[in-house]
């Protein structure tokens, strides 16, 4: 990478921070640039290393897409209606981006799950001591896409369920793999699917995904919503998240849709 390109990208990053950081929040935003910078530096290191590292990143790190059998158990579809699912699989930018391209999904909101309302802010969650994980709340129509299919995408494309308290370059309990079941059927199906995948040795390491009851979810700040769609050239997105969407299209061609369903168009 030339010095000119590096400086151009750096200035775009600085501008991104100025545009995206909330100016009216009562919470401290001092940790926001630092946390973005860590993600940016990790991504820039991958880009600067050249095409080989980029290939490895897309085929090993973000592209750890594993073709998985669908769940043997699933939630009955019933007539068309709305249901919600809550998943945590590392940085919510990429998880949101994946599900926004899935047919049958009506809305995907980035947010925080597992902690209290008063600590559900980006700077606080970034400390790693709030109990929160970055998560997404998926509103979907079970008549079009089942909860079992959402789980299949979660485990095969959206994240690596064998990484404990981390995903890719991001470390800490706020990046843990977790599912919050919003009803008894979701809990039953998720628990059975994890057992099914472990029994089949679908991964080289045990699944560490946590499973909890309850719809713990607090929406994240507006500047995080639709981040992948709005910032497709952001280095972190390009290296770690865009390959996930490509893998979704490859593994689930009949469920993939090119136009994402955006929060800011469905509010």
C-alpha atoms as a PDB file:
ATOM      1  CA  UNK A   1       0.000   0.000   0.000  1.00  0.00           C
ATOM      2  CA  UNK A   2       1.393   3.396  -0.966  1.00  0.00           C
ATOM      3  CA  UNK A   3       1.755   6.194   1.553  1.00  0.00           C
ATOM      4  CA  UNK A   4      -0.774   8.266  -0.432  1.00  0.00           C
ATOM      5  CA  UNK A   5      -3.419   5.537  -0.283  1.00  0.00           C
ATOM      6  CA  UNK A   6      -2.717   4.957   3.415  1.00  0.00           C
ATOM      7  CA  UNK A   7      -3.129   8.642   4.245  1.00  0.00           C
ATOM      8  CA  UNK A   8      -6.276   8.889   2.128  1.00  0.00           C
ATOM      9  CA  UNK A   9      -7.788   5.925   3.950  1.00  0.00           C
ATOM     10  CA  UNK A  10      -6.704   7.334   7.317  1.00  0.00           C
ATOM     11  CA  UNK A  11      -8.366  10.661   6.598  1.00  0.00           C
ATOM     12  CA  UNK A  12     -11.532   8.893   5.483  1.00  0.00           C
ATOM     13  CA  UNK A  13     -11.448   7.004   8.776  1.00  0.00           C
ATOM     14  CA  UNK A  14     -11.054  10.191  10.790  1.00  0.00           C
ATOM     15  CA  UNK A  15     -13.915  11.771   8.853  1.00  0.00           C
ATOM     16  CA  UNK A  16     -16.020   8.699   9.478  1.00  0.00           C
ATOM     17  CA  UNK A  17     -15.464   9.063  13.218  1.00  0.00           C
ATOM     18  CA  UNK A  18     -16.437  12.714  13.161  1.00  0.00           C
ATOM     19  CA  UNK A  19     -19.568  12.010  11.141  1.00  0.00           C
ATOM     20  CA  UNK A  20     -20.664   8.944  13.074  1.00  0.00           C
ATOM     21  CA  UNK A  21     -19.854   9.786  16.692  1.00  0.00           C
ATOM     22  CA  UNK A  22     -22.939  11.084  18.509  1.00  0.00           C
ATOM     23  CA  UNK A  23     -22.649  14.748  19.415  1.00  0.00           C
ATOM     24  CA  UNK A  24     -25.606  14.952  21.794  1.00  0.00           C
ATOM     25  CA  UNK A  25     -25.052  11.871  23.950  1.00  0.00           C
ATOM     26  CA  UNK A  26     -24.748  12.360  27.677  1.00  0.00           C
ATOM     27  CA  UNK A  27     -22.345   9.428  27.841  1.00  0.00           C
ATOM     28  CA  UNK A  28     -18.610   9.757  27.337  1.00  0.00           C
ATOM     29  CA  UNK A  29     -17.529   8.914  23.792  1.00  0.00           C
ATOM     30  CA  UNK A  30     -13.821   8.882  24.561  1.00  0.00           C
ATOM     31  CA  UNK A  31     -13.617   5.134  23.984  1.00  0.00           C
ATOM     32  CA  UNK A  32     -15.428   5.202  20.671  1.00  0.00           C
ATOM     33  CA  UNK A  33     -12.538   6.409  18.495  1.00  0.00           C
ATOM     34  CA  UNK A  34     -10.097   4.092  20.271  1.00  0.00           C
ATOM     35  CA  UNK A  35     -12.270   1.061  19.705  1.00  0.00           C
ATOM     36  CA  UNK A  36     -12.888   1.942  16.077  1.00  0.00           C
ATOM     37  CA  UNK A  37      -9.169   2.541  15.692  1.00  0.00           C
ATOM     38  CA  UNK A  38      -8.307  -0.947  16.957  1.00  0.00           C
ATOM     39  CA  UNK A  39     -10.661  -2.461  14.402  1.00  0.00           C
ATOM     40  CA  UNK A  40      -9.308  -0.178  11.711  1.00  0.00           C
ATOM     41  CA  UNK A  41      -5.670  -0.980  12.497  1.00  0.00           C
ATOM     42  CA  UNK A  42      -6.331  -4.724  12.457  1.00  0.00           C
ATOM     43  CA  UNK A  43      -8.031  -4.416   9.094  1.00  0.00           C
ATOM     44  CA  UNK A  44      -5.344  -2.145   7.654  1.00  0.00           C
ATOM     45  CA  UNK A  45      -2.673  -4.638   8.711  1.00  0.00           C
ATOM     46  CA  UNK A  46      -4.463  -7.293   6.708  1.00  0.00           C
ATOM     47  CA  UNK A  47      -4.800  -5.037   3.667  1.00  0.00           C
ATOM     48  CA  UNK A  48      -1.183  -3.862   3.841  1.00  0.00           C
ATOM     49  CA  UNK A  49       0.037  -7.461   3.959  1.00  0.00           C
ATOM     50  CA  UNK A  50      -1.126  -7.952   0.409  1.00  0.00           C
ATOM     51  CA  UNK A  51      -3.390 -10.216  -1.624  1.00  0.00           C
ATOM     52  CA  UNK A  52      -2.269 -13.439   0.067  1.00  0.00           C
ATOM     53  CA  UNK A  53      -3.355 -12.294   3.504  1.00  0.00           C
ATOM     54  CA  UNK A  54      -6.585 -10.944   2.099  1.00  0.00           C
ATOM     55  CA  UNK A  55      -7.263 -14.341   0.548  1.00  0.00           C
ATOM     56  CA  UNK A  56      -6.521 -16.039   3.852  1.00  0.00           C
ATOM     57  CA  UNK A  57      -8.779 -13.602   5.692  1.00  0.00           C
ATOM     58  CA  UNK A  58     -11.708 -14.225   3.380  1.00  0.00           C
ATOM     59  CA  UNK A  59     -11.296 -17.988   3.368  1.00  0.00           C
ATOM     60  CA  UNK A  60     -10.297 -18.602   6.974  1.00  0.00           C
ATOM     61  CA  UNK A  61     -11.324 -15.762   9.252  1.00  0.00           C
ATOM     62  CA  UNK A  62     -14.509 -14.027   8.106  1.00  0.00           C
ATOM     63  CA  UNK A  63     -15.202 -16.675   5.496  1.00  0.00           C
ATOM     64  CA  UNK A  64     -15.233 -19.627   7.865  1.00  0.00           C
ATOM     65  CA  UNK A  65     -18.535 -20.572   6.311  1.00  0.00           C
ATOM     66  CA  UNK A  66     -19.249 -24.218   6.988  1.00  0.00           C
ATOM     67  CA  UNK A  67     -21.965 -26.056   5.035  1.00  0.00           C
ATOM     68  CA  UNK A  68     -24.189 -27.420   7.786  1.00  0.00           C
ATOM     69  CA  UNK A  69     -27.178 -29.719   7.812  1.00  0.00           C
ATOM     70  CA  UNK A  70     -30.422 -27.960   8.733  1.00  0.00           C
ATOM     71  CA  UNK A  71     -31.855 -28.517  12.210  1.00  0.00           C
ATOM     72  CA  UNK A  72     -33.648 -31.811  12.703  1.00  0.00           C
ATOM     73  CA  UNK A  73     -36.100 -29.905  14.887  1.00  0.00           C
ATOM     74  CA  UNK A  74     -37.716 -26.595  13.985  1.00  0.00           C
ATOM     75  CA  UNK A  75     -40.454 -24.246  15.110  1.00  0.00           C
ATOM     76  CA  UNK A  76     -43.766 -24.708  13.313  1.00  0.00           C
ATOM     77  CA  UNK A  77     -44.329 -21.962  10.770  1.00  0.00           C
ATOM     78  CA  UNK A  78     -48.075 -21.349  11.070  1.00  0.00           C
ATOM     79  CA  UNK A  79     -49.729 -18.437   9.257  1.00  0.00           C
ATOM     80  CA  UNK A  80     -47.764 -15.353   8.254  1.00  0.00           C
ATOM     81  CA  UNK A  81     -46.840 -13.283  11.310  1.00  0.00           C
ATOM     82  CA  UNK A  82     -43.886 -11.587  12.977  1.00  0.00           C
ATOM     83  CA  UNK A  83     -41.431 -13.230  15.356  1.00  0.00           C
ATOM     84  CA  UNK A  84     -38.141 -12.028  16.825  1.00  0.00           C
ATOM     85  CA  UNK A  85     -34.806 -13.778  17.263  1.00  0.00           C
ATOM     86  CA  UNK A  86     -31.764 -12.458  19.134  1.00  0.00           C
ATOM     87  CA  UNK A  87     -28.242 -13.577  18.276  1.00  0.00           C
ATOM     88  CA  UNK A  88     -24.772 -12.408  19.332  1.00  0.00           C
ATOM     89  CA  UNK A  89     -21.841 -13.354  17.138  1.00  0.00           C
ATOM     90  CA  UNK A  90     -19.093 -10.790  17.499  1.00  0.00           C
ATOM     91  CA  UNK A  91     -19.197  -7.329  15.963  1.00  0.00           C
ATOM     92  CA  UNK A  92     -22.816  -6.541  15.175  1.00  0.00           C
ATOM     93  CA  UNK A  93     -21.962  -4.754  11.927  1.00  0.00           C
ATOM     94  CA  UNK A  94     -21.377  -8.021  10.103  1.00  0.00           C
ATOM     95  CA  UNK A  95     -24.116 -10.077  11.760  1.00  0.00           C
ATOM     96  CA  UNK A  96     -26.653  -7.387  10.940  1.00  0.00           C
ATOM     97  CA  UNK A  97     -25.356  -7.214   7.375  1.00  0.00           C
ATOM     98  CA  UNK A  98     -25.765 -10.956   6.836  1.00  0.00           C
ATOM     99  CA  UNK A  99     -29.365 -11.146   8.024  1.00  0.00           C
ATOM    100  CA  UNK A 100     -30.348  -8.018   6.121  1.00  0.00           C
ATOM    101  CA  UNK A 101     -29.746 -10.078   2.971  1.00  0.00           C
ATOM    102  CA  UNK A 102     -31.912 -13.036   4.025  1.00  0.00           C
ATOM    103  CA  UNK A 103     -35.361 -13.482   2.519  1.00  0.00           C
ATOM    104  CA  UNK A 104     -38.165 -13.537   5.049  1.00  0.00           C
ATOM    105  CA  UNK A 105     -36.333 -11.166   7.379  1.00  0.00           C
ATOM    106  CA  UNK A 106     -38.175  -7.878   7.814  1.00  0.00           C
ATOM    107  CA  UNK A 107     -35.857  -5.929  10.097  1.00  0.00           C
ATOM    108  CA  UNK A 108     -32.474  -6.381  11.777  1.00  0.00           C
ATOM    109  CA  UNK A 109     -31.414  -4.012  14.555  1.00  0.00           C
ATOM    110  CA  UNK A 110     -27.923  -3.889  16.053  1.00  0.00           C
ATOM    111  CA  UNK A 111     -27.844  -3.648  19.822  1.00  0.00           C
ATOM    112  CA  UNK A 112     -26.734  -5.053  23.148  1.00  0.00           C
ATOM    113  CA  UNK A 113     -27.932  -8.085  25.119  1.00  0.00           C
ATOM    114  CA  UNK A 114     -27.158  -9.599  28.502  1.00  0.00           C
ATOM    115  CA  UNK A 115     -26.727  -6.522  30.676  1.00  0.00           C
ATOM    116  CA  UNK A 116     -28.782  -3.677  32.101  1.00  0.00           C
ATOM    117  CA  UNK A 117     -30.409  -0.774  30.302  1.00  0.00           C
ATOM    118  CA  UNK A 118     -28.157   1.832  31.924  1.00  0.00           C
ATOM    119  CA  UNK A 119     -25.007   0.238  30.471  1.00  0.00           C
ATOM    120  CA  UNK A 120     -26.409  -0.424  26.982  1.00  0.00           C
ATOM    121  CA  UNK A 121     -24.179   2.107  25.250  1.00  0.00           C
ATOM    122  CA  UNK A 122     -21.254   1.577  22.904  1.00  0.00           C
ATOM    123  CA  UNK A 123     -18.625   3.174  25.172  1.00  0.00           C
ATOM    124  CA  UNK A 124     -19.816   1.224  28.232  1.00  0.00           C
ATOM    125  CA  UNK A 125     -20.144  -2.123  26.449  1.00  0.00           C
ATOM    126  CA  UNK A 126     -16.668  -1.616  24.995  1.00  0.00           C
ATOM    127  CA  UNK A 127     -15.193  -1.896  28.497  1.00  0.00           C
ATOM    128  CA  UNK A 128     -16.159  -5.567  28.526  1.00  0.00           C
ATOM    129  CA  UNK A 129     -17.535  -5.538  32.082  1.00  0.00           C
ATOM    130  CA  UNK A 130     -21.255  -4.803  31.589  1.00  0.00           C
ATOM    131  CA  UNK A 131     -22.479  -8.320  30.849  1.00  0.00           C
ATOM    132  CA  UNK A 132     -23.637  -7.128  27.447  1.00  0.00           C
ATOM    133  CA  UNK A 133     -22.714  -8.682  24.122  1.00  0.00           C
ATOM    134  CA  UNK A 134     -23.051  -6.934  20.794  1.00  0.00           C
ATOM    135  CA  UNK A 135     -26.147  -8.554  19.321  1.00  0.00           C
ATOM    136  CA  UNK A 136     -28.840  -8.264  16.673  1.00  0.00           C
ATOM    137  CA  UNK A 137     -32.603  -8.454  16.971  1.00  0.00           C
ATOM    138  CA  UNK A 138     -34.107 -10.077  13.889  1.00  0.00           C
ATOM    139  CA  UNK A 139     -37.753  -9.573  13.008  1.00  0.00           C
ATOM    140  CA  UNK A 140     -38.867 -12.279  10.590  1.00  0.00           C
ATOM    141  CA  UNK A 141     -41.895 -14.035   9.148  1.00  0.00           C
ATOM    142  CA  UNK A 142     -41.802 -17.756  10.082  1.00  0.00           C
ATOM    143  CA  UNK A 143     -44.000 -18.510   7.077  1.00  0.00           C
ATOM    144  CA  UNK A 144     -41.120 -17.354   4.838  1.00  0.00           C
ATOM    145  CA  UNK A 145     -38.017 -18.297   6.817  1.00  0.00           C
ATOM    146  CA  UNK A 146     -37.960 -20.606   9.821  1.00  0.00           C
ATOM    147  CA  UNK A 147     -36.164 -20.110  13.111  1.00  0.00           C
ATOM    148  CA  UNK A 148     -34.175 -23.227  12.267  1.00  0.00           C
ATOM    149  CA  UNK A 149     -32.938 -21.581   9.069  1.00  0.00           C
ATOM    150  CA  UNK A 150     -31.928 -18.476  11.021  1.00  0.00           C
ATOM    151  CA  UNK A 151     -29.887 -20.761  13.275  1.00  0.00           C
ATOM    152  CA  UNK A 152     -28.349 -22.558  10.304  1.00  0.00           C
ATOM    153  CA  UNK A 153     -27.185 -19.212   8.880  1.00  0.00           C
ATOM    154  CA  UNK A 154     -25.954 -18.105  12.315  1.00  0.00           C
ATOM    155  CA  UNK A 155     -23.733 -21.147  12.785  1.00  0.00           C
ATOM    156  CA  UNK A 156     -22.584 -21.563   9.197  1.00  0.00           C
ATOM    157  CA  UNK A 157     -22.086 -18.009   7.938  1.00  0.00           C
ATOM    158  CA  UNK A 158     -22.597 -15.227  10.475  1.00  0.00           C
ATOM    159  CA  UNK A 159     -19.839 -16.138  12.940  1.00  0.00           C
ATOM    160  CA  UNK A 160     -17.525 -18.808  14.309  1.00  0.00           C
ATOM    161  CA  UNK A 161     -19.310 -20.556  17.208  1.00  0.00           C
ATOM    162  CA  UNK A 162     -16.118 -22.172  18.520  1.00  0.00           C
ATOM    163  CA  UNK A 163     -14.378 -18.931  19.532  1.00  0.00           C
ATOM    164  CA  UNK A 164     -14.789 -18.166  23.223  1.00  0.00           C
ATOM    165  CA  UNK A 165     -15.319 -14.492  24.073  1.00  0.00           C
ATOM    166  CA  UNK A 166     -13.965 -13.312  20.751  1.00  0.00           C
ATOM    167  CA  UNK A 167     -14.573 -13.148  17.013  1.00  0.00           C
ATOM    168  CA  UNK A 168     -11.695 -12.615  14.632  1.00  0.00           C
ATOM    169  CA  UNK A 169      -9.683  -9.562  15.748  1.00  0.00           C
ATOM    170  CA  UNK A 170     -12.187  -8.590  18.460  1.00  0.00           C
ATOM    171  CA  UNK A 171     -11.744  -9.960  21.978  1.00  0.00           C
ATOM    172  CA  UNK A 172     -13.798  -9.711  25.144  1.00  0.00           C
ATOM    173  CA  UNK A 173     -17.059 -11.016  26.528  1.00  0.00           C
ATOM    174  CA  UNK A 174     -18.890  -8.352  24.522  1.00  0.00           C
ATOM    175  CA  UNK A 175     -17.985 -10.381  21.416  1.00  0.00           C
ATOM    176  CA  UNK A 176     -19.169 -13.728  22.733  1.00  0.00           C
ATOM    177  CA  UNK A 177     -21.342 -16.158  20.829  1.00  0.00           C
ATOM    178  CA  UNK A 178     -24.832 -16.325  22.336  1.00  0.00           C
ATOM    179  CA  UNK A 179     -28.492 -16.902  21.624  1.00  0.00           C
ATOM    180  CA  UNK A 180     -31.380 -15.362  23.564  1.00  0.00           C
ATOM    181  CA  UNK A 181     -34.466 -17.495  23.003  1.00  0.00           C
ATOM    182  CA  UNK A 182     -37.606 -15.369  23.029  1.00  0.00           C
ATOM    183  CA  UNK A 183     -39.905 -18.346  23.685  1.00  0.00           C
ATOM    184  CA  UNK A 184     -39.811 -21.989  24.726  1.00  0.00           C
ATOM    185  CA  UNK A 185     -39.883 -23.307  21.145  1.00  0.00           C
ATOM    186  CA  UNK A 186     -36.826 -21.255  20.189  1.00  0.00           C
ATOM    187  CA  UNK A 187     -34.968 -22.507  23.243  1.00  0.00           C
ATOM    188  CA  UNK A 188     -35.846 -26.130  22.451  1.00  0.00           C
ATOM    189  CA  UNK A 189     -34.799 -25.862  18.795  1.00  0.00           C
ATOM    190  CA  UNK A 190     -31.571 -23.968  19.509  1.00  0.00           C
ATOM    191  CA  UNK A 191     -30.517 -26.406  22.239  1.00  0.00           C
ATOM    192  CA  UNK A 192     -31.248 -29.388  19.993  1.00  0.00           C
ATOM    193  CA  UNK A 193     -29.360 -27.870  17.057  1.00  0.00           C
ATOM    194  CA  UNK A 194     -26.244 -27.185  19.116  1.00  0.00           C
ATOM    195  CA  UNK A 195     -26.330 -30.796  20.305  1.00  0.00           C
ATOM    196  CA  UNK A 196     -26.883 -31.992  16.730  1.00  0.00           C
ATOM    197  CA  UNK A 197     -23.879 -30.040  15.420  1.00  0.00           C
ATOM    198  CA  UNK A 198     -21.626 -31.176  18.263  1.00  0.00           C
ATOM    199  CA  UNK A 199     -22.638 -34.812  17.803  1.00  0.00           C
ATOM    200  CA  UNK A 200     -21.890 -34.586  14.082  1.00  0.00           C
ATOM    201  CA  UNK A 201     -18.523 -32.925  14.857  1.00  0.00           C
ATOM    202  CA  UNK A 202     -19.407 -30.192  12.422  1.00  0.00           C
ATOM    203  CA  UNK A 203     -16.545 -28.049  13.697  1.00  0.00           C
ATOM    204  CA  UNK A 204     -12.961 -28.829  14.628  1.00  0.00           C
ATOM    205  CA  UNK A 205     -13.575 -27.495  18.146  1.00  0.00           C
ATOM    206  CA  UNK A 206     -16.565 -27.620  20.510  1.00  0.00           C
ATOM    207  CA  UNK A 207     -19.332 -25.052  20.126  1.00  0.00           C
ATOM    208  CA  UNK A 208     -19.171 -22.444  22.901  1.00  0.00           C
ATOM    209  CA  UNK A 209     -22.385 -20.589  22.057  1.00  0.00           C
ATOM    210  CA  UNK A 210     -24.336 -19.616  25.146  1.00  0.00           C
ATOM    211  CA  UNK A 211     -28.090 -20.181  25.232  1.00  0.00           C
ATOM    212  CA  UNK A 212     -30.342 -18.111  27.466  1.00  0.00           C
ATOM    213  CA  UNK A 213     -34.044 -17.533  27.959  1.00  0.00           C
ATOM    214  CA  UNK A 214     -35.543 -14.076  27.652  1.00  0.00           C
ATOM    215  CA  UNK A 215     -35.617 -11.281  25.125  1.00  0.00           C
ATOM    216  CA  UNK A 216     -32.731  -9.214  26.474  1.00  0.00           C
ATOM    217  CA  UNK A 217     -32.135  -6.525  23.872  1.00  0.00           C
ATOM    218  CA  UNK A 218     -31.390  -2.795  23.763  1.00  0.00           C
ATOM    219  CA  UNK A 219     -31.000  -1.069  20.405  1.00  0.00           C
ATOM    220  CA  UNK A 220     -27.580   0.396  19.660  1.00  0.00           C
ATOM    221  CA  UNK A 221     -26.909   3.966  18.676  1.00  0.00           C
ATOM    222  CA  UNK A 222     -28.184   5.164  15.292  1.00  0.00           C
ATOM    223  CA  UNK A 223     -24.697   5.467  13.821  1.00  0.00           C
ATOM    224  CA  UNK A 224     -24.262   1.683  14.117  1.00  0.00           C
ATOM    225  CA  UNK A 225     -27.441   0.807  12.251  1.00  0.00           C
ATOM    226  CA  UNK A 226     -27.029  -0.263   8.594  1.00  0.00           C
ATOM    227  CA  UNK A 227     -23.275   0.215   9.017  1.00  0.00           C
ATOM    228  CA  UNK A 228     -22.257  -2.351   6.405  1.00  0.00           C
ATOM    229  CA  UNK A 229     -24.665  -0.963   3.823  1.00  0.00           C
ATOM    230  CA  UNK A 230     -23.583   2.622   4.442  1.00  0.00           C
ATOM    231  CA  UNK A 231     -19.842   1.945   4.771  1.00  0.00           C
ATOM    232  CA  UNK A 232     -19.056  -0.891   2.310  1.00  0.00           C
ATOM    233  CA  UNK A 233     -15.493   0.374   1.780  1.00  0.00           C
ATOM    234  CA  UNK A 234     -14.645   0.620   5.475  1.00  0.00           C
ATOM    235  CA  UNK A 235     -11.534  -1.585   5.913  1.00  0.00           C
ATOM    236  CA  UNK A 236     -13.070  -3.622   8.734  1.00  0.00           C
ATOM    237  CA  UNK A 237     -16.181  -4.308   6.655  1.00  0.00           C
ATOM    238  CA  UNK A 238     -14.204  -5.164   3.528  1.00  0.00           C
ATOM    239  CA  UNK A 239     -11.915  -7.632   5.295  1.00  0.00           C
ATOM    240  CA  UNK A 240     -14.096  -9.196   7.980  1.00  0.00           C
ATOM    241  CA  UNK A 241     -17.761  -8.781   7.070  1.00  0.00           C
ATOM    242  CA  UNK A 242     -18.329  -8.506   3.320  1.00  0.00           C
ATOM    243  CA  UNK A 243     -17.052 -12.089   2.802  1.00  0.00           C
ATOM    244  CA  UNK A 244     -19.833 -13.320   5.093  1.00  0.00           C
ATOM    245  CA  UNK A 245     -22.476 -11.890   2.790  1.00  0.00           C
ATOM    246  CA  UNK A 246     -20.724 -13.500  -0.176  1.00  0.00           C
ATOM    247  CA  UNK A 247     -20.794 -16.836   1.642  1.00  0.00           C
ATOM    248  CA  UNK A 248     -24.486 -16.386   2.420  1.00  0.00           C
ATOM    249  CA  UNK A 249     -25.156 -16.002  -1.290  1.00  0.00           C
ATOM    250  CA  UNK A 250     -23.037 -19.066  -2.076  1.00  0.00           C
ATOM    251  CA  UNK A 251     -24.483 -21.397   0.564  1.00  0.00           C
ATOM    252  CA  UNK A 252     -28.082 -20.142   0.566  1.00  0.00           C
ATOM    253  CA  UNK A 253     -28.721 -18.940  -3.003  1.00  0.00           C
ATOM    254  CA  UNK A 254     -32.511 -19.348  -2.818  1.00  0.00           C
ATOM    255  CA  UNK A 255     -32.706 -17.369   0.426  1.00  0.00           C
ATOM    256  CA  UNK A 256     -30.262 -14.618  -0.525  1.00  0.00           C
ATOM    257  CA  UNK A 257     -31.538 -11.246  -1.644  1.00  0.00           C
ATOM    258  CA  UNK A 258     -29.287  -8.628  -3.160  1.00  0.00           C
ATOM    259  CA  UNK A 259     -31.093  -5.607  -1.710  1.00  0.00           C
ATOM    260  CA  UNK A 260     -30.683  -5.471   2.077  1.00  0.00           C
ATOM    261  CA  UNK A 261     -33.594  -4.575   4.329  1.00  0.00           C
ATOM    262  CA  UNK A 262     -32.406  -1.489   6.177  1.00  0.00           C
ATOM    263  CA  UNK A 263     -33.340  -0.244   9.632  1.00  0.00           C
ATOM    264  CA  UNK A 264     -33.564   3.344   8.475  1.00  0.00           C
ATOM    265  CA  UNK A 265     -36.087   2.372   5.799  1.00  0.00           C
ATOM    266  CA  UNK A 266     -38.246   0.167   8.009  1.00  0.00           C
ATOM    267  CA  UNK A 267     -38.454   2.353  11.129  1.00  0.00           C
END
